[in-house]
Structure formats: C-alpha cells, structure tokens
Amino acid sequence: MINFEELIKSLILPLVSYPEDVEIEKIADEPIMEYKVKVNAKDFGRVIGKGGHIAQAIRTILFAGASKEGKKIHLDIESKSL
C-alpha cells in the first residue's frame, strides 16, 4: 500500500527553499482521497511551475499510484501567508 503523504512530501520537498513551512493535510479518504499542501508563499511558484506544469506532473504521479490501488486522489496546493 502506498503512503501518499510520504509520496507527496518526497515530490515537493526537493522543490522548495523553505521545507520547514511545508504542511500536508489529509482532508478526506472516501470516496476520493483528498490532500491539501501548504507551502511558503515564496516557494509557491516553484511548486506550481510555469503554466502549472510541475503541479500537473505531481498530480499525474499521484493519480497513477492511486489508480494502481483502485482509488482516486485530489491534490490542492496553497501558499501560506507571510
């Protein structure tokens, strides 16, 4: 079984300059696993990427892992106020 919180952490922490500000919260488990990630406002652009490409790549990896387990997943990425 995949630990999605650890997977999200392993994908996001290398991208940020302020790893201590990263918060990952599980919102729901059924019927769709839902996670909310908060990052420092200065790191938000790094995590989203130009045109949202990095965020979409992260979601694609999570979707593939969830599909393998017969589940669905949703990820929200937000910035923390300074």
C-alpha atoms as a PDB file:
ATOM      1  CA  MET A   1       0.000   0.000   0.000  1.00  0.00           C
ATOM      2  CA  ILE A   2       1.319   3.430  -0.953  1.00  0.00           C
ATOM      3  CA  ASN A   3       1.766   6.069   1.756  1.00  0.00           C
ATOM      4  CA  PHE A   4       0.540   9.062  -0.243  1.00  0.00           C
ATOM      5  CA  GLU A   5       1.538  11.614   2.388  1.00  0.00           C
ATOM      6  CA  GLU A   6       5.159  10.431   2.178  1.00  0.00           C
ATOM      7  CA  LEU A   7       4.972  10.362  -1.621  1.00  0.00           C
ATOM      8  CA  ILE A   8       3.696  13.955  -1.727  1.00  0.00           C
ATOM      9  CA  LYS A   9       6.438  15.012   0.703  1.00  0.00           C
ATOM     10  CA  SER A  10       9.140  13.316  -1.385  1.00  0.00           C
ATOM     11  CA  LEU A  11       7.911  15.106  -4.522  1.00  0.00           C
ATOM     12  CA  ILE A  12       7.522  18.588  -3.019  1.00  0.00           C
ATOM     13  CA  LEU A  13      10.398  18.969  -0.529  1.00  0.00           C
ATOM     14  CA  PRO A  14      13.176  18.958  -3.184  1.00  0.00           C
ATOM     15  CA  LEU A  15      11.423  21.859  -4.938  1.00  0.00           C
ATOM     16  CA  VAL A  16      11.169  24.278  -2.015  1.00  0.00           C
ATOM     17  CA  SER A  17      13.618  26.595  -0.249  1.00  0.00           C
ATOM     18  CA  TYR A  18      11.629  26.534   2.997  1.00  0.00           C
ATOM     19  CA  PRO A  19      10.931  22.830   3.698  1.00  0.00           C
ATOM     20  CA  GLU A  20      10.041  23.617   7.317  1.00  0.00           C
ATOM     21  CA  ASP A  21       6.968  25.520   6.068  1.00  0.00           C
ATOM     22  CA  VAL A  22       5.516  22.614   4.072  1.00  0.00           C
ATOM     23  CA  GLU A  23       2.289  21.274   5.581  1.00  0.00           C
ATOM     24  CA  ILE A  24       0.469  18.239   4.200  1.00  0.00           C
ATOM     25  CA  GLU A  25      -3.055  17.592   5.424  1.00  0.00           C
ATOM     26  CA  LYS A  26      -5.353  14.717   4.534  1.00  0.00           C
ATOM     27  CA  ILE A  27      -8.847  16.152   4.079  1.00  0.00           C
ATOM     28  CA  ALA A  28     -10.839  13.069   3.049  1.00  0.00           C
ATOM     29  CA  ASP A  29     -10.300   9.377   2.414  1.00  0.00           C
ATOM     30  CA  GLU A  30     -13.522   8.210   0.784  1.00  0.00           C
ATOM     31  CA  PRO A  31     -14.727   8.212  -1.927  1.00  0.00           C
ATOM     32  CA  ILE A  32     -11.775  10.286  -3.161  1.00  0.00           C
ATOM     33  CA  MET A  33      -8.540  10.736  -1.206  1.00  0.00           C
ATOM     34  CA  GLU A  34      -8.068  14.467  -0.836  1.00  0.00           C
ATOM     35  CA  TYR A  35      -4.874  16.200   0.301  1.00  0.00           C
ATOM     36  CA  LYS A  36      -4.069  19.853   0.897  1.00  0.00           C
ATOM     37  CA  VAL A  37      -0.465  21.053   0.708  1.00  0.00           C
ATOM     38  CA  LYS A  38       0.548  24.456   2.033  1.00  0.00           C
ATOM     39  CA  VAL A  39       3.925  25.914   1.119  1.00  0.00           C
ATOM     40  CA  ASN A  40       5.685  29.179   1.883  1.00  0.00           C
ATOM     41  CA  ALA A  41       4.440  31.951  -0.414  1.00  0.00           C
ATOM     42  CA  LYS A  42       7.999  32.366  -1.760  1.00  0.00           C
ATOM     43  CA  ASP A  43       8.004  28.683  -2.839  1.00  0.00           C
ATOM     44  CA  PHE A  44       4.540  28.643  -4.387  1.00  0.00           C
ATOM     45  CA  GLY A  45       5.771  29.423  -7.904  1.00  0.00           C
ATOM     46  CA  ARG A  46       8.399  26.690  -7.697  1.00  0.00           C
ATOM     47  CA  VAL A  47       5.837  24.066  -6.729  1.00  0.00           C
ATOM     48  CA  ILE A  48       3.259  25.141  -9.318  1.00  0.00           C
ATOM     49  CA  GLY A  49       5.772  25.715 -12.121  1.00  0.00           C
ATOM     50  CA  LYS A  50       5.411  27.746 -15.278  1.00  0.00           C
ATOM     51  CA  GLY A  51       1.931  27.206 -16.652  1.00  0.00           C
ATOM     52  CA  GLY A  52       1.215  24.751 -13.822  1.00  0.00           C
ATOM     53  CA  HIS A  53       3.378  22.046 -15.377  1.00  0.00           C
ATOM     54  CA  ILE A  54       5.127  20.931 -12.184  1.00  0.00           C
ATOM     55  CA  ALA A  55       1.864  20.744 -10.223  1.00  0.00           C
ATOM     56  CA  GLN A  56       0.312  18.730 -13.050  1.00  0.00           C
ATOM     57  CA  ALA A  57       3.271  16.338 -13.088  1.00  0.00           C
ATOM     58  CA  ILE A  58       2.921  15.807  -9.321  1.00  0.00           C
ATOM     59  CA  ARG A  59      -0.811  15.131  -9.732  1.00  0.00           C
ATOM     60  CA  THR A  60      -0.103  12.671 -12.567  1.00  0.00           C
ATOM     61  CA  ILE A  61       2.275  10.665 -10.367  1.00  0.00           C
ATOM     62  CA  LEU A  62      -0.267  10.621  -7.527  1.00  0.00           C
ATOM     63  CA  PHE A  63      -3.069   9.641  -9.914  1.00  0.00           C
ATOM     64  CA  ALA A  64      -1.011   6.728 -11.233  1.00  0.00           C
ATOM     65  CA  GLY A  65      -0.308   5.469  -7.713  1.00  0.00           C
ATOM     66  CA  ALA A  66      -3.940   5.809  -6.666  1.00  0.00           C
ATOM     67  CA  SER A  67      -5.164   4.078  -9.835  1.00  0.00           C
ATOM     68  CA  LYS A  68      -2.885   1.140  -9.091  1.00  0.00           C
ATOM     69  CA  GLU A  69      -4.744   0.736  -5.789  1.00  0.00           C
ATOM     70  CA  GLY A  70      -8.179   1.262  -7.359  1.00  0.00           C
ATOM     71  CA  LYS A  71      -8.644   4.693  -5.765  1.00  0.00           C
ATOM     72  CA  LYS A  72      -8.922   8.309  -6.834  1.00  0.00           C
ATOM     73  CA  ILE A  73      -6.935  11.224  -5.459  1.00  0.00           C
ATOM     74  CA  HIS A  74      -7.172  15.017  -5.480  1.00  0.00           C
ATOM     75  CA  LEU A  75      -4.387  17.454  -4.501  1.00  0.00           C
ATOM     76  CA  ASP A  76      -4.769  21.144  -3.638  1.00  0.00           C
ATOM     77  CA  ILE A  77      -1.658  23.296  -3.391  1.00  0.00           C
ATOM     78  CA  GLU A  78      -1.890  26.582  -1.490  1.00  0.00           C
ATOM     79  CA  SER A  79       0.537  29.237  -0.308  1.00  0.00           C
ATOM     80  CA  LYS A  80       0.856  30.260   3.307  1.00  0.00           C
ATOM     81  CA  SER A  81       0.544  33.929   4.129  1.00  0.00           C
ATOM     82  CA  LEU A  82       3.799  35.581   5.122  1.00  0.00           C
END
